[in-house]
Amino acid sequence: MVKIRPQLLSANLEKSIKPKMKIFQDLGFLANDISEIISNDPWILRQSMKTTLIPSLSVLRSLLGSNAEVAKFLKTSGRFLKTNLGKNLVPNVELLKNCGVAKEQIISVMYYFPRLLLSNPEVMKKYVDKVDKMGMDRSSRMFIHGVRIISSMSYKTLELKFRTFQELGFSEGDIAAAFRKSPLAFGASEEKLKEVKEFLSCHWEVQSIMYS
């Protein structure tokens, strides 16, 4: 740990590090899991027990269901113990649940796209509003993918993607239909989109591609 975070040498072992390790022990985490979590991200030990560690562990356990699942998650996503989850993760999860996103999809996003759920809640609402405006049904399992894709691009980049589709012969209605059906396609580069369109156009009309 010291090799990764030499600043820990300046921390008080008895007053700072040991009490934080004890939090995990008191909550029932296994010694091996505690060691691996801390080794993967020693900066966790620099966080406040009262305002960050204890509340965050409580939030994660309520969401993931068990210490084993929390430990598994934190071994790859220690950043969730370095922020106030009550101010970002909790409201964002509630928003997505209210949109009808299944819990297992939310947990999958936590593992693979953690930055999305740690976004400012007001920004998250804007992502959701944009997906709504694209006509995406909130009951669709594609909804969360639409939110993720929107979150991954700046407004300028998103507009460029729309313009590329238009240049390829797609109407606004076609673009919206494509987004609703396969939002992940909007993550492809402009060059890739043109290559795929060129290939498909040899066999089908634009409307056939969009609505098949």
N, C-alpha and C. Protein backbone atom coordinates (compact mmCIF):
# COMPACT_ATOMS: atom_id res chain seq x y z
N MET A 1 0.82 -1.21 0.00
CA MET A 1 0.00 0.00 0.00
C MET A 1 0.85 1.26 0.00
N VAL A 2 1.95 1.21 0.75
CA VAL A 2 2.81 2.38 0.85
C VAL A 2 3.43 2.72 -0.50
N LYS A 3 3.76 1.70 -1.29
CA LYS A 3 4.33 1.94 -2.61
C LYS A 3 3.35 2.70 -3.49
N ILE A 4 2.05 2.38 -3.32
CA ILE A 4 1.03 3.02 -4.14
C ILE A 4 0.69 4.41 -3.61
N ARG A 5 0.58 4.54 -2.29
CA ARG A 5 0.23 5.81 -1.66
C ARG A 5 1.21 6.11 -0.53
N PRO A 6 2.42 6.61 -0.84
CA PRO A 6 3.42 6.89 0.20
C PRO A 6 2.92 7.90 1.23
N GLN A 7 1.87 8.68 0.88
CA GLN A 7 1.33 9.65 1.84
C GLN A 7 0.80 8.98 3.09
N LEU A 8 0.48 7.67 2.97
CA LEU A 8 -0.05 6.96 4.13
C LEU A 8 0.97 6.87 5.26
N LEU A 9 2.24 7.05 4.93
CA LEU A 9 3.28 7.01 5.96
C LEU A 9 3.08 8.12 6.99
N SER A 10 2.45 9.21 6.56
CA SER A 10 2.24 10.34 7.46
C SER A 10 0.99 10.18 8.31
N ALA A 11 0.18 9.15 8.02
CA ALA A 11 -1.05 8.95 8.78
C ALA A 11 -0.75 8.32 10.13
N ASN A 12 -1.54 8.67 11.11
CA ASN A 12 -1.38 8.14 12.46
C ASN A 12 -2.01 6.75 12.51
N LEU A 13 -1.16 5.72 12.75
CA LEU A 13 -1.63 4.33 12.71
C LEU A 13 -2.75 4.08 13.71
N GLU A 14 -2.58 4.51 14.96
CA GLU A 14 -3.54 4.22 16.02
C GLU A 14 -4.81 5.05 15.89
N LYS A 15 -4.67 6.32 15.52
CA LYS A 15 -5.82 7.22 15.50
C LYS A 15 -6.54 7.28 14.15
N SER A 16 -5.85 6.93 13.09
CA SER A 16 -6.45 7.09 11.78
C SER A 16 -6.67 5.75 11.04
N ILE A 17 -5.62 4.98 10.88
CA ILE A 17 -5.72 3.77 10.06
C ILE A 17 -6.45 2.63 10.76
N LYS A 18 -6.05 2.29 11.98
CA LYS A 18 -6.66 1.16 12.68
C LYS A 18 -8.17 1.32 12.88
N PRO A 19 -8.65 2.50 13.29
CA PRO A 19 -10.11 2.65 13.46
C PRO A 19 -10.88 2.43 12.16
N LYS A 20 -10.28 2.82 11.05
CA LYS A 20 -10.96 2.65 9.77
C LYS A 20 -10.97 1.19 9.33
N MET A 21 -9.90 0.49 9.62
CA MET A 21 -9.87 -0.94 9.36
C MET A 21 -10.92 -1.65 10.23
N LYS A 22 -11.05 -1.16 11.45
CA LYS A 22 -11.98 -1.78 12.40
C LYS A 22 -13.44 -1.63 11.95
N ILE A 23 -13.73 -0.56 11.21
CA ILE A 23 -15.08 -0.36 10.69
C ILE A 23 -15.50 -1.58 9.86
N PHE A 24 -14.62 -1.99 8.97
CA PHE A 24 -14.90 -3.15 8.13
C PHE A 24 -15.07 -4.41 8.98
N GLN A 25 -14.20 -4.57 9.97
CA GLN A 25 -14.27 -5.75 10.84
C GLN A 25 -15.58 -5.76 11.61
N ASP A 26 -15.97 -4.63 12.17
CA ASP A 26 -17.20 -4.55 12.96
C ASP A 26 -18.44 -4.81 12.11
N LEU A 27 -18.36 -4.50 10.83
CA LEU A 27 -19.49 -4.74 9.94
C LEU A 27 -19.52 -6.17 9.41
N GLY A 28 -18.50 -6.96 9.80
CA GLY A 28 -18.51 -8.37 9.45
C GLY A 28 -17.77 -8.76 8.18
N PHE A 29 -16.95 -7.85 7.64
CA PHE A 29 -16.19 -8.19 6.44
C PHE A 29 -15.04 -9.14 6.79
N LEU A 30 -14.76 -10.07 5.89
CA LEU A 30 -13.68 -11.02 6.10
C LEU A 30 -12.33 -10.33 6.00
N ALA A 31 -11.36 -10.81 6.76
CA ALA A 31 -10.03 -10.20 6.79
C ALA A 31 -9.40 -10.14 5.40
N ASN A 32 -9.51 -11.22 4.63
CA ASN A 32 -8.93 -11.26 3.29
C ASN A 32 -9.58 -10.22 2.38
N ASP A 33 -10.89 -10.06 2.52
CA ASP A 33 -11.60 -9.07 1.70
C ASP A 33 -11.17 -7.66 2.08
N ILE A 34 -11.05 -7.39 3.37
CA ILE A 34 -10.61 -6.07 3.83
C ILE A 34 -9.24 -5.74 3.26
N SER A 35 -8.33 -6.71 3.34
CA SER A 35 -6.97 -6.52 2.86
C SER A 35 -6.95 -6.20 1.37
N GLU A 36 -7.76 -6.94 0.60
CA GLU A 36 -7.76 -6.74 -0.85
C GLU A 36 -8.40 -5.40 -1.23
N ILE A 37 -9.48 -5.04 -0.55
CA ILE A 37 -10.15 -3.77 -0.83
C ILE A 37 -9.20 -2.60 -0.59
N ILE A 38 -8.53 -2.61 0.56
CA ILE A 38 -7.61 -1.53 0.92
C ILE A 38 -6.37 -1.53 0.03
N SER A 39 -5.85 -2.72 -0.28
CA SER A 39 -4.66 -2.81 -1.13
C SER A 39 -4.93 -2.26 -2.52
N ASN A 40 -6.14 -2.49 -3.03
CA ASN A 40 -6.48 -2.01 -4.37
C ASN A 40 -6.66 -0.51 -4.42
N ASP A 41 -7.03 0.08 -3.27
CA ASP A 41 -7.20 1.54 -3.23
C ASP A 41 -6.93 2.05 -1.81
N PRO A 42 -5.65 2.15 -1.43
CA PRO A 42 -5.29 2.58 -0.06
C PRO A 42 -5.82 3.95 0.32
N TRP A 43 -6.15 4.76 -0.68
CA TRP A 43 -6.63 6.11 -0.38
C TRP A 43 -7.95 6.09 0.38
N ILE A 44 -8.59 4.93 0.40
CA ILE A 44 -9.80 4.76 1.19
C ILE A 44 -9.53 5.12 2.65
N LEU A 45 -8.33 4.81 3.12
CA LEU A 45 -7.98 5.05 4.52
C LEU A 45 -7.83 6.53 4.85
N ARG A 46 -7.86 7.38 3.85
CA ARG A 46 -7.76 8.82 4.09
C ARG A 46 -9.15 9.46 4.20
N GLN A 47 -10.19 8.65 4.03
CA GLN A 47 -11.55 9.20 4.05
C GLN A 47 -12.09 9.31 5.47
N SER A 48 -13.03 10.20 5.65
CA SER A 48 -13.67 10.40 6.96
C SER A 48 -14.55 9.20 7.31
N MET A 49 -14.42 8.71 8.53
CA MET A 49 -15.27 7.59 8.96
C MET A 49 -16.73 8.02 9.04
N LYS A 50 -16.96 9.17 9.63
CA LYS A 50 -18.33 9.62 9.92
C LYS A 50 -19.08 10.06 8.67
N THR A 51 -18.43 10.83 7.80
CA THR A 51 -19.14 11.40 6.66
C THR A 51 -19.04 10.58 5.37
N THR A 52 -18.08 9.66 5.31
CA THR A 52 -17.89 8.92 4.06
C THR A 52 -17.93 7.41 4.24
N LEU A 53 -17.00 6.83 4.98
CA LEU A 53 -16.87 5.38 5.04
C LEU A 53 -18.11 4.67 5.59
N ILE A 54 -18.54 5.03 6.78
CA ILE A 54 -19.68 4.35 7.40
C ILE A 54 -20.97 4.53 6.58
N PRO A 55 -21.32 5.76 6.17
CA PRO A 55 -22.54 5.92 5.37
C PRO A 55 -22.45 5.19 4.01
N SER A 56 -21.29 5.24 3.38
CA SER A 56 -21.14 4.61 2.07
C SER A 56 -21.26 3.09 2.14
N LEU A 57 -20.64 2.50 3.15
CA LEU A 57 -20.74 1.05 3.32
C LEU A 57 -22.18 0.64 3.59
N SER A 58 -22.90 1.47 4.33
CA SER A 58 -24.31 1.19 4.62
C SER A 58 -25.15 1.24 3.35
N VAL A 59 -24.91 2.26 2.53
CA VAL A 59 -25.64 2.40 1.26
C VAL A 59 -25.37 1.21 0.35
N LEU A 60 -24.11 0.84 0.22
CA LEU A 60 -23.74 -0.26 -0.67
C LEU A 60 -24.32 -1.59 -0.21
N ARG A 61 -24.33 -1.81 1.09
CA ARG A 61 -24.87 -3.07 1.59
C ARG A 61 -26.39 -3.13 1.37
N SER A 62 -27.08 -2.02 1.52
CA SER A 62 -28.52 -2.00 1.31
C SER A 62 -28.86 -2.24 -0.16
N LEU A 63 -27.96 -1.79 -1.04
CA LEU A 63 -28.21 -1.94 -2.47
C LEU A 63 -27.78 -3.31 -2.99
N LEU A 64 -26.61 -3.77 -2.55
CA LEU A 64 -26.05 -5.02 -3.06
C LEU A 64 -26.48 -6.26 -2.26
N GLY A 65 -26.92 -6.04 -1.03
CA GLY A 65 -27.54 -7.13 -0.29
C GLY A 65 -26.71 -7.89 0.71
N SER A 66 -25.39 -7.91 0.58
CA SER A 66 -24.57 -8.67 1.52
C SER A 66 -23.15 -8.15 1.54
N ASN A 67 -22.42 -8.48 2.62
CA ASN A 67 -21.02 -8.08 2.71
C ASN A 67 -20.20 -8.69 1.58
N ALA A 68 -20.53 -9.93 1.22
CA ALA A 68 -19.78 -10.62 0.16
C ALA A 68 -19.90 -9.87 -1.16
N GLU A 69 -21.11 -9.40 -1.47
CA GLU A 69 -21.32 -8.66 -2.72
C GLU A 69 -20.68 -7.28 -2.66
N VAL A 70 -20.74 -6.64 -1.49
CA VAL A 70 -20.10 -5.32 -1.33
C VAL A 70 -18.59 -5.46 -1.50
N ALA A 71 -18.01 -6.51 -0.89
CA ALA A 71 -16.57 -6.73 -0.99
C ALA A 71 -16.17 -7.00 -2.43
N LYS A 72 -16.93 -7.82 -3.11
CA LYS A 72 -16.66 -8.13 -4.52
C LYS A 72 -16.67 -6.86 -5.35
N PHE A 73 -17.64 -6.00 -5.08
CA PHE A 73 -17.76 -4.75 -5.82
C PHE A 73 -16.62 -3.79 -5.52
N LEU A 74 -16.29 -3.62 -4.23
CA LEU A 74 -15.27 -2.65 -3.83
C LEU A 74 -13.86 -3.03 -4.26
N LYS A 75 -13.64 -4.31 -4.53
CA LYS A 75 -12.32 -4.74 -4.99
C LYS A 75 -11.98 -4.14 -6.36
N THR A 76 -13.00 -3.72 -7.09
CA THR A 76 -12.77 -3.11 -8.40
C THR A 76 -13.24 -1.66 -8.46
N SER A 77 -14.01 -1.23 -7.45
CA SER A 77 -14.59 0.12 -7.49
C SER A 77 -14.47 0.82 -6.15
N GLY A 78 -13.25 0.96 -5.67
CA GLY A 78 -13.00 1.62 -4.40
C GLY A 78 -13.44 3.07 -4.37
N ARG A 79 -13.62 3.67 -5.54
CA ARG A 79 -14.02 5.08 -5.60
C ARG A 79 -15.35 5.33 -4.88
N PHE A 80 -16.16 4.28 -4.73
CA PHE A 80 -17.45 4.44 -4.07
C PHE A 80 -17.31 4.65 -2.57
N LEU A 81 -16.11 4.49 -2.04
CA LEU A 81 -15.86 4.79 -0.63
C LEU A 81 -15.11 6.11 -0.47
N LYS A 82 -15.04 6.87 -1.56
CA LYS A 82 -14.32 8.15 -1.50
C LYS A 82 -15.22 9.32 -1.88
N THR A 83 -16.52 9.10 -1.76
CA THR A 83 -17.48 10.14 -2.09
C THR A 83 -18.71 9.97 -1.20
N ASN A 84 -19.49 11.01 -1.10
CA ASN A 84 -20.72 10.96 -0.32
C ASN A 84 -21.82 10.36 -1.19
N LEU A 85 -22.08 9.07 -1.03
CA LEU A 85 -23.05 8.39 -1.87
C LEU A 85 -24.48 8.90 -1.67
N GLY A 86 -24.72 9.50 -0.51
CA GLY A 86 -26.05 10.06 -0.27
C GLY A 86 -26.36 11.23 -1.18
N LYS A 87 -25.30 11.86 -1.72
CA LYS A 87 -25.49 13.03 -2.57
C LYS A 87 -25.48 12.70 -4.06
N ASN A 88 -25.00 11.49 -4.43
CA ASN A 88 -24.98 11.17 -5.85
C ASN A 88 -25.59 9.80 -6.15
N LEU A 89 -25.00 8.73 -5.64
CA LEU A 89 -25.50 7.39 -5.96
C LEU A 89 -26.96 7.20 -5.54
N VAL A 90 -27.30 7.55 -4.31
CA VAL A 90 -28.67 7.31 -3.81
C VAL A 90 -29.73 8.00 -4.65
N PRO A 91 -29.63 9.33 -4.89
CA PRO A 91 -30.66 9.97 -5.73
C PRO A 91 -30.67 9.48 -7.16
N ASN A 92 -29.50 9.13 -7.70
CA ASN A 92 -29.44 8.63 -9.08
C ASN A 92 -30.09 7.26 -9.20
N VAL A 93 -29.86 6.41 -8.22
CA VAL A 93 -30.49 5.08 -8.23
C VAL A 93 -32.00 5.22 -8.10
N GLU A 94 -32.46 6.12 -7.23
CA GLU A 94 -33.89 6.33 -7.05
C GLU A 94 -34.53 6.85 -8.34
N LEU A 95 -33.84 7.75 -9.01
CA LEU A 95 -34.35 8.28 -10.28
C LEU A 95 -34.51 7.16 -11.30
N LEU A 96 -33.50 6.33 -11.44
CA LEU A 96 -33.56 5.24 -12.41
C LEU A 96 -34.63 4.22 -12.04
N LYS A 97 -34.77 3.93 -10.75
CA LYS A 97 -35.83 3.02 -10.32
C LYS A 97 -37.20 3.59 -10.67
N ASN A 98 -37.38 4.89 -10.47
CA ASN A 98 -38.65 5.53 -10.79
C ASN A 98 -38.92 5.54 -12.29
N CYS A 99 -37.85 5.41 -13.08
CA CYS A 99 -37.99 5.32 -14.53
C CYS A 99 -38.31 3.89 -14.97
N GLY A 100 -38.27 2.97 -14.01
CA GLY A 100 -38.58 1.58 -14.33
C GLY A 100 -37.37 0.72 -14.64
N VAL A 101 -36.17 1.25 -14.42
CA VAL A 101 -34.96 0.47 -14.68
C VAL A 101 -34.82 -0.61 -13.61
N ALA A 102 -34.59 -1.84 -14.05
CA ALA A 102 -34.49 -2.97 -13.13
C ALA A 102 -33.24 -2.87 -12.26
N LYS A 103 -33.35 -3.40 -11.04
CA LYS A 103 -32.24 -3.33 -10.09
C LYS A 103 -30.99 -3.99 -10.65
N GLU A 104 -31.15 -5.13 -11.33
CA GLU A 104 -29.97 -5.82 -11.86
C GLU A 104 -29.26 -5.00 -12.93
N GLN A 105 -30.01 -4.19 -13.68
CA GLN A 105 -29.39 -3.32 -14.67
C GLN A 105 -28.62 -2.19 -13.97
N ILE A 106 -29.19 -1.67 -12.90
CA ILE A 106 -28.52 -0.61 -12.15
C ILE A 106 -27.20 -1.12 -11.57
N ILE A 107 -27.23 -2.32 -11.01
CA ILE A 107 -26.02 -2.90 -10.43
C ILE A 107 -24.98 -3.16 -11.51
N SER A 108 -25.43 -3.59 -12.69
CA SER A 108 -24.51 -3.81 -13.81
C SER A 108 -23.82 -2.51 -14.19
N VAL A 109 -24.57 -1.41 -14.19
CA VAL A 109 -23.98 -0.10 -14.50
C VAL A 109 -22.97 0.29 -13.44
N MET A 110 -23.25 -0.03 -12.18
CA MET A 110 -22.31 0.26 -11.10
C MET A 110 -20.96 -0.40 -11.35
N TYR A 111 -20.99 -1.64 -11.85
CA TYR A 111 -19.76 -2.38 -12.10
C TYR A 111 -19.00 -1.86 -13.32
N TYR A 112 -19.74 -1.64 -14.40
CA TYR A 112 -19.08 -1.37 -15.67
C TYR A 112 -19.01 0.11 -16.07
N PHE A 113 -19.92 0.94 -15.53
CA PHE A 113 -19.92 2.36 -15.87
C PHE A 113 -20.18 3.19 -14.61
N PRO A 114 -19.32 3.02 -13.59
CA PRO A 114 -19.56 3.67 -12.29
C PRO A 114 -19.69 5.18 -12.34
N ARG A 115 -19.00 5.80 -13.26
CA ARG A 115 -19.03 7.27 -13.32
C ARG A 115 -20.44 7.79 -13.56
N LEU A 116 -21.25 7.01 -14.29
CA LEU A 116 -22.62 7.45 -14.57
C LEU A 116 -23.41 7.62 -13.28
N LEU A 117 -23.34 6.63 -12.39
CA LEU A 117 -24.13 6.69 -11.16
C LEU A 117 -23.55 7.64 -10.12
N LEU A 118 -22.32 8.09 -10.33
CA LEU A 118 -21.72 9.07 -9.42
C LEU A 118 -21.83 10.49 -9.99
N SER A 119 -22.61 10.64 -11.06
CA SER A 119 -22.83 11.95 -11.66
C SER A 119 -23.63 12.84 -10.72
N ASN A 120 -23.51 14.14 -10.93
CA ASN A 120 -24.37 15.08 -10.22
C ASN A 120 -25.83 14.74 -10.56
N PRO A 121 -26.70 14.58 -9.56
CA PRO A 121 -28.10 14.21 -9.81
C PRO A 121 -28.83 15.13 -10.79
N GLU A 122 -28.51 16.42 -10.77
CA GLU A 122 -29.15 17.33 -11.71
C GLU A 122 -28.72 17.04 -13.14
N VAL A 123 -27.47 16.64 -13.29
CA VAL A 123 -26.96 16.27 -14.62
C VAL A 123 -27.61 14.96 -15.06
N MET A 124 -27.77 14.02 -14.14
CA MET A 124 -28.42 12.75 -14.46
C MET A 124 -29.85 12.98 -14.97
N LYS A 125 -30.55 13.92 -14.35
CA LYS A 125 -31.92 14.24 -14.78
C LYS A 125 -31.92 14.73 -16.22
N LYS A 126 -30.90 15.48 -16.60
CA LYS A 126 -30.80 15.99 -17.97
C LYS A 126 -30.58 14.83 -18.95
N TYR A 127 -29.77 13.85 -18.54
CA TYR A 127 -29.58 12.67 -19.39
C TYR A 127 -30.90 11.96 -19.62
N VAL A 128 -31.65 11.77 -18.54
CA VAL A 128 -32.93 11.08 -18.62
C VAL A 128 -33.90 11.87 -19.49
N ASP A 129 -33.94 13.19 -19.31
CA ASP A 129 -34.84 14.04 -20.11
C ASP A 129 -34.52 13.92 -21.60
N LYS A 130 -33.23 13.86 -21.93
CA LYS A 130 -32.83 13.76 -23.33
C LYS A 130 -33.29 12.43 -23.92
N VAL A 131 -33.16 11.36 -23.16
CA VAL A 131 -33.61 10.05 -23.63
C VAL A 131 -35.13 10.04 -23.80
N ASP A 132 -35.84 10.68 -22.87
CA ASP A 132 -37.29 10.80 -22.99
C ASP A 132 -37.67 11.52 -24.28
N LYS A 133 -36.94 12.59 -24.58
CA LYS A 133 -37.24 13.38 -25.78
C LYS A 133 -36.98 12.60 -27.06
N MET A 134 -36.13 11.59 -26.97
CA MET A 134 -35.86 10.74 -28.13
C MET A 134 -36.97 9.69 -28.31
N GLY A 135 -37.93 9.70 -27.39
CA GLY A 135 -39.06 8.80 -27.52
C GLY A 135 -38.83 7.41 -26.96
N MET A 136 -37.78 7.24 -26.18
CA MET A 136 -37.47 5.93 -25.61
C MET A 136 -38.50 5.58 -24.52
N ASP A 137 -39.09 4.40 -24.64
CA ASP A 137 -40.05 3.92 -23.65
C ASP A 137 -39.29 3.57 -22.36
N ARG A 138 -39.70 4.13 -21.25
CA ARG A 138 -39.01 3.87 -19.99
C ARG A 138 -39.09 2.41 -19.57
N SER A 139 -40.07 1.69 -20.08
CA SER A 139 -40.19 0.27 -19.74
C SER A 139 -39.24 -0.61 -20.56
N SER A 140 -38.61 -0.01 -21.57
CA SER A 140 -37.67 -0.77 -22.41
C SER A 140 -36.37 -1.02 -21.69
N ARG A 141 -35.81 -2.21 -21.87
CA ARG A 141 -34.51 -2.52 -21.27
C ARG A 141 -33.39 -1.72 -21.95
N MET A 142 -33.71 -1.05 -23.06
CA MET A 142 -32.74 -0.21 -23.73
C MET A 142 -32.63 1.17 -23.08
N PHE A 143 -33.58 1.50 -22.19
CA PHE A 143 -33.62 2.84 -21.61
C PHE A 143 -32.32 3.18 -20.90
N ILE A 144 -31.83 2.30 -20.05
CA ILE A 144 -30.60 2.58 -19.31
C ILE A 144 -29.41 2.71 -20.25
N HIS A 145 -29.42 1.96 -21.35
CA HIS A 145 -28.33 2.06 -22.32
C HIS A 145 -28.38 3.43 -23.02
N GLY A 146 -29.61 3.90 -23.25
CA GLY A 146 -29.75 5.23 -23.84
C GLY A 146 -29.20 6.30 -22.93
N VAL A 147 -29.50 6.19 -21.64
CA VAL A 147 -28.98 7.15 -20.65
C VAL A 147 -27.45 7.11 -20.63
N ARG A 148 -26.90 5.91 -20.66
CA ARG A 148 -25.44 5.78 -20.60
C ARG A 148 -24.78 6.41 -21.83
N ILE A 149 -25.35 6.12 -23.00
CA ILE A 149 -24.76 6.66 -24.23
C ILE A 149 -24.83 8.18 -24.23
N ILE A 150 -25.97 8.74 -23.83
CA ILE A 150 -26.10 10.20 -23.76
C ILE A 150 -25.08 10.79 -22.80
N SER A 151 -24.84 10.09 -21.68
CA SER A 151 -23.91 10.59 -20.66
C SER A 151 -22.46 10.55 -21.13
N SER A 152 -22.18 9.71 -22.12
CA SER A 152 -20.80 9.51 -22.56
C SER A 152 -20.34 10.54 -23.58
N MET A 153 -21.28 11.38 -24.04
CA MET A 153 -20.94 12.34 -25.09
C MET A 153 -21.31 13.77 -24.69
N SER A 154 -20.52 14.69 -25.15
CA SER A 154 -20.85 16.10 -24.95
C SER A 154 -21.99 16.45 -25.90
N TYR A 155 -22.63 17.59 -25.66
CA TYR A 155 -23.71 18.04 -26.53
C TYR A 155 -23.20 18.18 -27.97
N LYS A 156 -21.99 18.69 -28.12
CA LYS A 156 -21.42 18.90 -29.45
C LYS A 156 -21.22 17.57 -30.17
N THR A 157 -20.70 16.56 -29.45
CA THR A 157 -20.47 15.25 -30.05
C THR A 157 -21.78 14.59 -30.44
N LEU A 158 -22.79 14.71 -29.59
CA LEU A 158 -24.09 14.12 -29.89
C LEU A 158 -24.70 14.76 -31.13
N GLU A 159 -24.59 16.06 -31.25
CA GLU A 159 -25.10 16.75 -32.42
C GLU A 159 -24.36 16.30 -33.68
N LEU A 160 -23.07 16.05 -33.55
CA LEU A 160 -22.28 15.58 -34.68
C LEU A 160 -22.75 14.20 -35.12
N LYS A 161 -23.10 13.35 -34.16
CA LYS A 161 -23.61 12.01 -34.50
C LYS A 161 -24.93 12.13 -35.25
N PHE A 162 -25.81 13.01 -34.78
CA PHE A 162 -27.09 13.20 -35.44
C PHE A 162 -26.88 13.71 -36.87
N ARG A 163 -25.94 14.64 -37.02
CA ARG A 163 -25.66 15.20 -38.34
C ARG A 163 -25.12 14.13 -39.28
N THR A 164 -24.30 13.25 -38.73
CA THR A 164 -23.75 12.16 -39.55
C THR A 164 -24.87 11.26 -40.07
N PHE A 165 -25.80 10.93 -39.20
CA PHE A 165 -26.95 10.11 -39.63
C PHE A 165 -27.75 10.82 -40.72
N GLN A 166 -27.95 12.13 -40.55
CA GLN A 166 -28.70 12.89 -41.54
C GLN A 166 -27.98 12.90 -42.88
N GLU A 167 -26.65 13.05 -42.84
CA GLU A 167 -25.86 13.05 -44.07
C GLU A 167 -25.92 11.68 -44.77
N LEU A 168 -26.20 10.65 -43.99
CA LEU A 168 -26.30 9.31 -44.56
C LEU A 168 -27.70 9.01 -45.07
N GLY A 169 -28.59 10.01 -44.99
CA GLY A 169 -29.92 9.84 -45.54
C GLY A 169 -31.02 9.52 -44.56
N PHE A 170 -30.72 9.59 -43.27
CA PHE A 170 -31.74 9.29 -42.27
C PHE A 170 -32.51 10.55 -41.89
N SER A 171 -33.81 10.43 -41.79
CA SER A 171 -34.64 11.56 -41.33
C SER A 171 -34.57 11.63 -39.81
N GLU A 172 -35.12 12.71 -39.23
CA GLU A 172 -35.13 12.83 -37.78
C GLU A 172 -35.89 11.67 -37.15
N GLY A 173 -36.99 11.27 -37.81
CA GLY A 173 -37.77 10.15 -37.32
C GLY A 173 -36.98 8.85 -37.36
N ASP A 174 -36.19 8.67 -38.43
CA ASP A 174 -35.36 7.47 -38.56
C ASP A 174 -34.31 7.43 -37.45
N ILE A 175 -33.72 8.60 -37.17
CA ILE A 175 -32.67 8.67 -36.15
C ILE A 175 -33.24 8.34 -34.78
N ALA A 176 -34.41 8.90 -34.47
CA ALA A 176 -35.04 8.62 -33.19
C ALA A 176 -35.38 7.14 -33.07
N ALA A 177 -35.86 6.55 -34.18
CA ALA A 177 -36.21 5.13 -34.17
C ALA A 177 -34.96 4.27 -33.95
N ALA A 178 -33.86 4.68 -34.58
CA ALA A 178 -32.61 3.94 -34.43
C ALA A 178 -32.12 4.01 -32.98
N PHE A 179 -32.26 5.18 -32.39
CA PHE A 179 -31.82 5.35 -31.00
C PHE A 179 -32.66 4.49 -30.06
N ARG A 180 -33.97 4.48 -30.30
CA ARG A 180 -34.84 3.68 -29.43
C ARG A 180 -34.54 2.19 -29.56
N LYS A 181 -34.20 1.77 -30.77
CA LYS A 181 -33.95 0.34 -31.02
C LYS A 181 -32.57 -0.10 -30.58
N SER A 182 -31.56 0.74 -30.84
CA SER A 182 -30.19 0.35 -30.51
C SER A 182 -29.35 1.57 -30.16
N PRO A 183 -29.53 2.12 -28.96
CA PRO A 183 -28.77 3.32 -28.57
C PRO A 183 -27.26 3.11 -28.58
N LEU A 184 -26.82 1.87 -28.40
CA LEU A 184 -25.38 1.60 -28.37
C LEU A 184 -24.73 1.92 -29.72
N ALA A 185 -25.52 1.89 -30.79
CA ALA A 185 -24.97 2.21 -32.12
C ALA A 185 -24.47 3.64 -32.18
N PHE A 186 -25.02 4.50 -31.33
CA PHE A 186 -24.62 5.91 -31.33
C PHE A 186 -23.26 6.10 -30.66
N GLY A 187 -22.74 5.04 -30.07
CA GLY A 187 -21.41 5.12 -29.49
C GLY A 187 -20.32 4.86 -30.51
N ALA A 188 -20.72 4.42 -31.71
CA ALA A 188 -19.75 4.14 -32.76
C ALA A 188 -19.21 5.44 -33.37
N SER A 189 -18.02 5.37 -33.94
CA SER A 189 -17.42 6.55 -34.57
C SER A 189 -18.18 6.89 -35.85
N GLU A 190 -18.02 8.14 -36.31
CA GLU A 190 -18.66 8.57 -37.54
C GLU A 190 -18.20 7.70 -38.72
N GLU A 191 -16.92 7.34 -38.74
CA GLU A 191 -16.37 6.52 -39.82
C GLU A 191 -17.03 5.14 -39.84
N LYS A 192 -17.20 4.56 -38.65
CA LYS A 192 -17.82 3.24 -38.55
C LYS A 192 -19.27 3.29 -39.01
N LEU A 193 -19.98 4.33 -38.63
CA LEU A 193 -21.38 4.48 -39.03
C LEU A 193 -21.49 4.53 -40.55
N LYS A 194 -20.57 5.24 -41.19
CA LYS A 194 -20.60 5.37 -42.64
C LYS A 194 -20.30 4.03 -43.31
N GLU A 195 -19.36 3.27 -42.74
CA GLU A 195 -19.03 1.96 -43.29
C GLU A 195 -20.22 1.02 -43.23
N VAL A 196 -20.89 1.00 -42.07
CA VAL A 196 -22.03 0.11 -41.89
C VAL A 196 -23.18 0.52 -42.82
N LYS A 197 -23.44 1.84 -42.90
CA LYS A 197 -24.51 2.33 -43.76
C LYS A 197 -24.23 1.96 -45.21
N GLU A 198 -22.98 2.09 -45.64
CA GLU A 198 -22.63 1.77 -47.02
C GLU A 198 -22.88 0.30 -47.33
N PHE A 199 -22.53 -0.57 -46.37
CA PHE A 199 -22.74 -2.00 -46.55
C PHE A 199 -24.23 -2.34 -46.61
N LEU A 200 -24.98 -1.79 -45.65
CA LEU A 200 -26.40 -2.12 -45.58
C LEU A 200 -27.19 -1.56 -46.76
N SER A 201 -26.76 -0.39 -47.24
CA SER A 201 -27.48 0.26 -48.33
C SER A 201 -27.41 -0.54 -49.63
N CYS A 202 -26.46 -1.44 -49.71
CA CYS A 202 -26.35 -2.29 -50.89
C CYS A 202 -27.50 -3.31 -50.95
N HIS A 203 -28.17 -3.48 -49.80
CA HIS A 203 -29.18 -4.52 -49.70
C HIS A 203 -30.56 -4.01 -49.29
N TRP A 204 -30.61 -2.91 -48.49
CA TRP A 204 -31.90 -2.44 -47.99
C TRP A 204 -32.01 -0.93 -48.08
N GLU A 205 -33.26 -0.45 -48.08
CA GLU A 205 -33.53 0.98 -47.99
C GLU A 205 -33.36 1.41 -46.53
N VAL A 206 -33.20 2.72 -46.33
CA VAL A 206 -33.02 3.25 -44.98
C VAL A 206 -34.15 2.82 -44.06
N GLN A 207 -35.41 2.95 -44.51
CA GLN A 207 -36.54 2.61 -43.66
C GLN A 207 -36.54 1.13 -43.28
N SER A 208 -36.09 0.29 -44.20
CA SER A 208 -36.04 -1.14 -43.91
C SER A 208 -35.01 -1.42 -42.82
N ILE A 209 -33.91 -0.70 -42.87
CA ILE A 209 -32.86 -0.86 -41.86
C ILE A 209 -33.35 -0.43 -40.49
N MET A 210 -34.08 0.71 -40.46
CA MET A 210 -34.51 1.28 -39.20
C MET A 210 -35.62 0.49 -38.54
N TYR A 211 -36.54 -0.02 -39.33
CA TYR A 211 -37.75 -0.59 -38.75
C TYR A 211 -37.86 -2.10 -38.86
N SER A 212 -36.79 -2.75 -39.35
CA SER A 212 -36.83 -4.21 -39.46
C SER A 212 -36.65 -4.84 -38.09
